[in-house]
C-alpha cells in the first residue's frame, strides 16, 4: 500500500439544520468505492487514519 499524503478531494456536505459533514476521497479513481462512517470527533482516528484500513492502490 502506498500512503497518499493528501486526499484527492475533500469537502463539506450540507445536511439538516445547517450542519455539515466533512468528507474525503482517497485512493485510485478506478477503485471500488467504500464508505467509512465513525462516531464523530474525538475518536482515535487521528488524521484520516481510517484510510490505512483499505488498499488505496487497488483498482476495480
PDB file of N, CA and C in Angstrom:
ATOM      1  N   UNK A   1       0.823  -1.181   0.000  1.00  0.00           N
ATOM      2  CA  UNK A   1       0.000   0.000   0.000  1.00  0.00           C
ATOM      3  C   UNK A   1       0.869   1.248   0.000  1.00  0.00           C
ATOM      4  N   UNK A   2       0.505   2.182  -0.829  1.00  0.00           N
ATOM      5  CA  UNK A   2       1.217   3.454  -0.887  1.00  0.00           C
ATOM      6  C   UNK A   2       0.451   4.483  -0.074  1.00  0.00           C
ATOM      7  N   UNK A   3       1.135   5.155   0.823  1.00  0.00           N
ATOM      8  CA  UNK A   3       0.486   6.188   1.633  1.00  0.00           C
ATOM      9  C   UNK A   3       0.387   7.473   0.814  1.00  0.00           C
ATOM     10  N   UNK A   4      -0.815   7.966   0.652  1.00  0.00           N
ATOM     11  CA  UNK A   4      -1.016   9.240  -0.030  1.00  0.00           C
ATOM     12  C   UNK A   4      -0.930  10.351   1.012  1.00  0.00           C
ATOM     13  N   UNK A   5      -0.198  11.425   0.710  1.00  0.00           N
ATOM     14  CA  UNK A   5      -0.044  12.484   1.695  1.00  0.00           C
ATOM     15  C   UNK A   5      -1.303  13.332   1.892  1.00  0.00           C
ATOM     16  N   UNK A   6      -2.150  13.415   0.873  1.00  0.00           N
ATOM     17  CA  UNK A   6      -3.346  14.257   0.917  1.00  0.00           C
ATOM     18  C   UNK A   6      -4.499  13.546   0.208  1.00  0.00           C
ATOM     19  N   UNK A   7      -5.746  13.833   0.593  1.00  0.00           N
ATOM     20  CA  UNK A   7      -6.872  13.264  -0.139  1.00  0.00           C
ATOM     21  C   UNK A   7      -6.941  13.851  -1.550  1.00  0.00           C
ATOM     22  N   UNK A   8      -7.521  13.075  -2.496  1.00  0.00           N
ATOM     23  CA  UNK A   8      -7.709  13.595  -3.859  1.00  0.00           C
ATOM     24  C   UNK A   8      -8.716  14.733  -3.855  1.00  0.00           C
ATOM     25  N   UNK A   9      -9.768  14.565  -3.065  1.00  0.00           N
ATOM     26  CA  UNK A   9     -10.790  15.605  -2.930  1.00  0.00           C
ATOM     27  C   UNK A   9     -11.304  15.588  -1.491  1.00  0.00           C
ATOM     28  N   UNK A  10     -11.826  16.694  -1.052  1.00  0.00           N
ATOM     29  CA  UNK A  10     -12.420  16.796   0.283  1.00  0.00           C
ATOM     30  C   UNK A  10     -13.416  17.941   0.261  1.00  0.00           C
ATOM     31  N   UNK A  11     -14.340  17.910   1.194  1.00  0.00           N
ATOM     32  CA  UNK A  11     -15.315  18.988   1.234  1.00  0.00           C
ATOM     33  C   UNK A  11     -16.277  18.839   2.388  1.00  0.00           C
ATOM     34  N   UNK A  12     -17.271  19.695   2.384  1.00  0.00           N
ATOM     35  CA  UNK A  12     -18.322  19.669   3.395  1.00  0.00           C
ATOM     36  C   UNK A  12     -19.651  19.431   2.693  1.00  0.00           C
ATOM     37  N   UNK A  13     -20.414  18.468   3.183  1.00  0.00           N
ATOM     38  CA  UNK A  13     -21.719  18.125   2.638  1.00  0.00           C
ATOM     39  C   UNK A  13     -22.787  18.727   3.543  1.00  0.00           C
ATOM     40  N   UNK A  14     -23.606  19.662   3.014  1.00  0.00           N
ATOM     41  CA  UNK A  14     -24.654  20.245   3.846  1.00  0.00           C
ATOM     42  C   UNK A  14     -25.719  19.204   4.197  1.00  0.00           C
ATOM     43  N   UNK A  15     -26.139  19.178   5.440  1.00  0.00           N
ATOM     44  CA  UNK A  15     -27.196  18.272   5.896  1.00  0.00           C
ATOM     45  C   UNK A  15     -28.228  19.092   6.681  1.00  0.00           C
ATOM     46  N   UNK A  16     -29.158  18.441   7.337  1.00  0.00           N
ATOM     47  CA  UNK A  16     -30.262  19.112   8.014  1.00  0.00           C
ATOM     48  C   UNK A  16     -29.803  20.110   9.069  1.00  0.00           C
ATOM     49  N   UNK A  17     -30.648  21.082   9.316  1.00  0.00           N
ATOM     50  CA  UNK A  17     -30.487  22.082  10.377  1.00  0.00           C
ATOM     51  C   UNK A  17     -29.188  22.889  10.272  1.00  0.00           C
ATOM     52  N   UNK A  18     -28.675  23.052   9.064  1.00  0.00           N
ATOM     53  CA  UNK A  18     -27.487  23.865   8.871  1.00  0.00           C
ATOM     54  C   UNK A  18     -26.175  23.188   9.226  1.00  0.00           C
ATOM     55  N   UNK A  19     -26.219  21.903   9.576  1.00  0.00           N
ATOM     56  CA  UNK A  19     -24.986  21.173   9.891  1.00  0.00           C
ATOM     57  C   UNK A  19     -24.283  20.745   8.611  1.00  0.00           C
ATOM     58  N   UNK A  20     -23.035  20.338   8.735  1.00  0.00           N
ATOM     59  CA  UNK A  20     -22.237  19.856   7.603  1.00  0.00           C
ATOM     60  C   UNK A  20     -21.483  18.605   8.013  1.00  0.00           C
ATOM     61  N   UNK A  21     -21.274  17.720   7.045  1.00  0.00           N
ATOM     62  CA  UNK A  21     -20.475  16.507   7.255  1.00  0.00           C
ATOM     63  C   UNK A  21     -19.220  16.636   6.408  1.00  0.00           C
ATOM     64  N   UNK A  22     -18.059  16.483   7.037  1.00  0.00           N
ATOM     65  CA  UNK A  22     -16.786  16.537   6.315  1.00  0.00           C
ATOM     66  C   UNK A  22     -16.546  15.202   5.628  1.00  0.00           C
ATOM     67  N   UNK A  23     -16.079  15.227   4.379  1.00  0.00           N
ATOM     68  CA  UNK A  23     -15.777  14.009   3.635  1.00  0.00           C
ATOM     69  C   UNK A  23     -14.429  14.141   2.936  1.00  0.00           C
ATOM     70  N   UNK A  24     -13.811  12.977   2.661  1.00  0.00           N
ATOM     71  CA  UNK A  24     -12.535  12.916   1.937  1.00  0.00           C
ATOM     72  C   UNK A  24     -12.600  11.792   0.920  1.00  0.00           C
ATOM     73  N   UNK A  25     -11.894  11.950  -0.196  1.00  0.00           N
ATOM     74  CA  UNK A  25     -11.776  10.912  -1.216  1.00  0.00           C
ATOM     75  C   UNK A  25     -10.301  10.547  -1.348  1.00  0.00           C
ATOM     76  N   UNK A  26     -10.005   9.265  -1.136  1.00  0.00           N
ATOM     77  CA  UNK A  26      -8.634   8.756  -1.194  1.00  0.00           C
ATOM     78  C   UNK A  26      -8.557   7.613  -2.177  1.00  0.00           C
ATOM     79  N   UNK A  27      -7.382   7.254  -2.624  1.00  0.00           N
ATOM     80  CA  UNK A  27      -7.153   6.047  -3.403  1.00  0.00           C
ATOM     81  C   UNK A  27      -7.319   6.230  -4.896  1.00  0.00           C
ATOM     82  N   UNK A  28      -7.403   5.103  -5.585  1.00  0.00           N
ATOM     83  CA  UNK A  28      -7.484   5.055  -7.041  1.00  0.00           C
ATOM     84  C   UNK A  28      -8.867   5.504  -7.520  1.00  0.00           C
ATOM     85  N   UNK A  29      -8.896   6.378  -8.515  1.00  0.00           N
ATOM     86  CA  UNK A  29     -10.166   6.830  -9.077  1.00  0.00           C
ATOM     87  C   UNK A  29     -10.924   5.685  -9.726  1.00  0.00           C
ATOM     88  N   UNK A  30     -10.225   4.642 -10.144  1.00  0.00           N
ATOM     89  CA  UNK A  30     -10.880   3.488 -10.767  1.00  0.00           C
ATOM     90  C   UNK A  30     -11.135   2.363  -9.766  1.00  0.00           C
ATOM     91  N   UNK A  31     -10.877   2.616  -8.495  1.00  0.00           N
ATOM     92  CA  UNK A  31     -11.069   1.601  -7.464  1.00  0.00           C
ATOM     93  C   UNK A  31     -12.526   1.458  -7.044  1.00  0.00           C
ATOM     94  N   UNK A  32     -12.787   0.458  -6.226  1.00  0.00           N
ATOM     95  CA  UNK A  32     -14.121   0.251  -5.683  1.00  0.00           C
ATOM     96  C   UNK A  32     -14.378   1.262  -4.572  1.00  0.00           C
ATOM     97  N   UNK A  33     -15.522   1.915  -4.592  1.00  0.00           N
ATOM     98  CA  UNK A  33     -15.803   2.892  -3.541  1.00  0.00           C
ATOM     99  C   UNK A  33     -16.102   2.213  -2.208  1.00  0.00           C
ATOM    100  N   UNK A  34     -15.742   2.878  -1.143  1.00  0.00           N
ATOM    101  CA  UNK A  34     -16.051   2.404   0.206  1.00  0.00           C
ATOM    102  C   UNK A  34     -16.464   3.618   1.031  1.00  0.00           C
ATOM    103  N   UNK A  35     -17.435   3.431   1.880  1.00  0.00           N
ATOM    104  CA  UNK A  35     -17.891   4.495   2.763  1.00  0.00           C
ATOM    105  C   UNK A  35     -17.541   4.091   4.182  1.00  0.00           C
ATOM    106  N   UNK A  36     -16.797   4.938   4.867  1.00  0.00           N
ATOM    107  CA  UNK A  36     -16.386   4.648   6.240  1.00  0.00           C
ATOM    108  C   UNK A  36     -17.027   5.682   7.149  1.00  0.00           C
ATOM    109  N   UNK A  37     -17.871   5.252   8.049  1.00  0.00           N
ATOM    110  CA  UNK A  37     -18.524   6.151   8.995  1.00  0.00           C
ATOM    111  C   UNK A  37     -17.965   5.895  10.385  1.00  0.00           C
ATOM    112  N   UNK A  38     -17.793   6.954  11.154  1.00  0.00           N
ATOM    113  CA  UNK A  38     -17.323   6.779  12.522  1.00  0.00           C
ATOM    114  C   UNK A  38     -18.175   7.636  13.447  1.00  0.00           C
ATOM    115  N   UNK A  39     -17.977   7.500  14.707  1.00  0.00           N
ATOM    116  CA  UNK A  39     -18.843   8.107  15.703  1.00  0.00           C
ATOM    117  C   UNK A  39     -18.632   9.573  15.982  1.00  0.00           C
ATOM    118  N   UNK A  40     -17.867  10.246  15.202  1.00  0.00           N
ATOM    119  CA  UNK A  40     -17.722  11.682  15.403  1.00  0.00           C
ATOM    120  C   UNK A  40     -16.357  12.082  15.912  1.00  0.00           C
ATOM    121  N   UNK A  41     -16.219  13.355  16.254  1.00  0.00           N
ATOM    122  CA  UNK A  41     -14.921  13.885  16.660  1.00  0.00           C
ATOM    123  C   UNK A  41     -14.444  13.299  17.987  1.00  0.00           C
ATOM    124  N   UNK A  42     -13.157  13.364  18.168  1.00  0.00           N
ATOM    125  CA  UNK A  42     -12.576  12.959  19.439  1.00  0.00           C
ATOM    126  C   UNK A  42     -12.160  11.510  19.520  1.00  0.00           C
ATOM    127  N   UNK A  43     -12.396  10.752  18.455  1.00  0.00           N
ATOM    128  CA  UNK A  43     -12.017   9.345  18.456  1.00  0.00           C
ATOM    129  C   UNK A  43     -10.519   9.172  18.289  1.00  0.00           C
ATOM    130  N   UNK A  44     -10.096   7.952  18.098  1.00  0.00           N
ATOM    131  CA  UNK A  44      -8.667   7.654  17.956  1.00  0.00           C
ATOM    132  C   UNK A  44      -8.244   7.548  16.500  1.00  0.00           C
ATOM    133  N   UNK A  45      -8.973   8.187  15.588  1.00  0.00           N
ATOM    134  CA  UNK A  45      -8.645   8.098  14.167  1.00  0.00           C
ATOM    135  C   UNK A  45      -7.452   8.950  13.778  1.00  0.00           C
ATOM    136  N   UNK A  46      -7.150   9.950  14.546  1.00  0.00           N
ATOM    137  CA  UNK A  46      -6.047  10.828  14.178  1.00  0.00           C
ATOM    138  C   UNK A  46      -6.376  11.563  12.893  1.00  0.00           C
ATOM    139  N   UNK A  47      -5.389  11.796  12.069  1.00  0.00           N
ATOM    140  CA  UNK A  47      -5.593  12.488  10.806  1.00  0.00           C
ATOM    141  C   UNK A  47      -5.852  11.469   9.711  1.00  0.00           C
ATOM    142  N   UNK A  48      -7.119  11.218   9.417  1.00  0.00           N
ATOM    143  CA  UNK A  48      -7.542  10.293   8.357  1.00  0.00           C
ATOM    144  C   UNK A  48      -6.952   8.898   8.529  1.00  0.00           C
ATOM    145  N   UNK A  49      -6.725   8.463   9.741  1.00  0.00           N
ATOM    146  CA  UNK A  49      -6.088   7.173   9.989  1.00  0.00           C
ATOM    147  C   UNK A  49      -6.885   5.998   9.448  1.00  0.00           C
ATOM    148  N   UNK A  50      -8.197   6.153   9.285  1.00  0.00           N
ATOM    149  CA  UNK A  50      -9.032   5.077   8.778  1.00  0.00           C
ATOM    150  C   UNK A  50      -8.644   4.632   7.370  1.00  0.00           C
ATOM    151  N   UNK A  51      -8.035   5.485   6.581  1.00  0.00           N
ATOM    152  CA  UNK A  51      -7.689   5.115   5.195  1.00  0.00           C
ATOM    153  C   UNK A  51      -6.687   3.969   5.143  1.00  0.00           C
ATOM    154  N   UNK A  52      -5.944   3.750   6.212  1.00  0.00           N
ATOM    155  CA  UNK A  52      -4.964   2.659   6.245  1.00  0.00           C
ATOM    156  C   UNK A  52      -5.631   1.287   6.333  1.00  0.00           C
ATOM    157  N   UNK A  53      -6.941   1.265   6.548  1.00  0.00           N
ATOM    158  CA  UNK A  53      -7.690   0.011   6.575  1.00  0.00           C
ATOM    159  C   UNK A  53      -8.003  -0.497   5.165  1.00  0.00           C
ATOM    160  N   UNK A  54      -7.715   0.300   4.151  1.00  0.00           N
ATOM    161  CA  UNK A  54      -8.037  -0.023   2.762  1.00  0.00           C
ATOM    162  C   UNK A  54      -6.780  -0.029   1.904  1.00  0.00           C
ATOM    163  N   UNK A  55      -6.796  -0.811   0.818  1.00  0.00           N
ATOM    164  CA  UNK A  55      -5.709  -0.813  -0.158  1.00  0.00           C
ATOM    165  C   UNK A  55      -5.986   0.308  -1.155  1.00  0.00           C
ATOM    166  N   UNK A  56      -5.354   1.462  -0.989  1.00  0.00           N
ATOM    167  CA  UNK A  56      -5.631   2.638  -1.791  1.00  0.00           C
ATOM    168  C   UNK A  56      -5.105   2.521  -3.216  1.00  0.00           C
ATOM    169  N   UNK A  57      -4.262   1.535  -3.501  1.00  0.00           N
ATOM    170  CA  UNK A  57      -3.711   1.355  -4.836  1.00  0.00           C
ATOM    171  C   UNK A  57      -4.554   0.396  -5.674  1.00  0.00           C
ATOM    172  N   UNK A  58      -5.468  -0.305  -5.062  1.00  0.00           N
ATOM    173  CA  UNK A  58      -6.250  -1.327  -5.767  1.00  0.00           C
ATOM    174  C   UNK A  58      -7.250  -0.691  -6.719  1.00  0.00           C
ATOM    175  N   UNK A  59      -7.340  -1.248  -7.940  1.00  0.00           N
ATOM    176  CA  UNK A  59      -8.323  -0.817  -8.930  1.00  0.00           C
ATOM    177  C   UNK A  59      -9.487  -1.793  -8.900  1.00  0.00           C
ATOM    178  N   UNK A  60     -10.589  -1.368  -9.488  1.00  0.00           N
ATOM    179  CA  UNK A  60     -11.794  -2.205  -9.527  1.00  0.00           C
ATOM    180  C   UNK A  60     -11.581  -3.493 -10.273  1.00  0.00           C
TER     181      UNK A  60
END
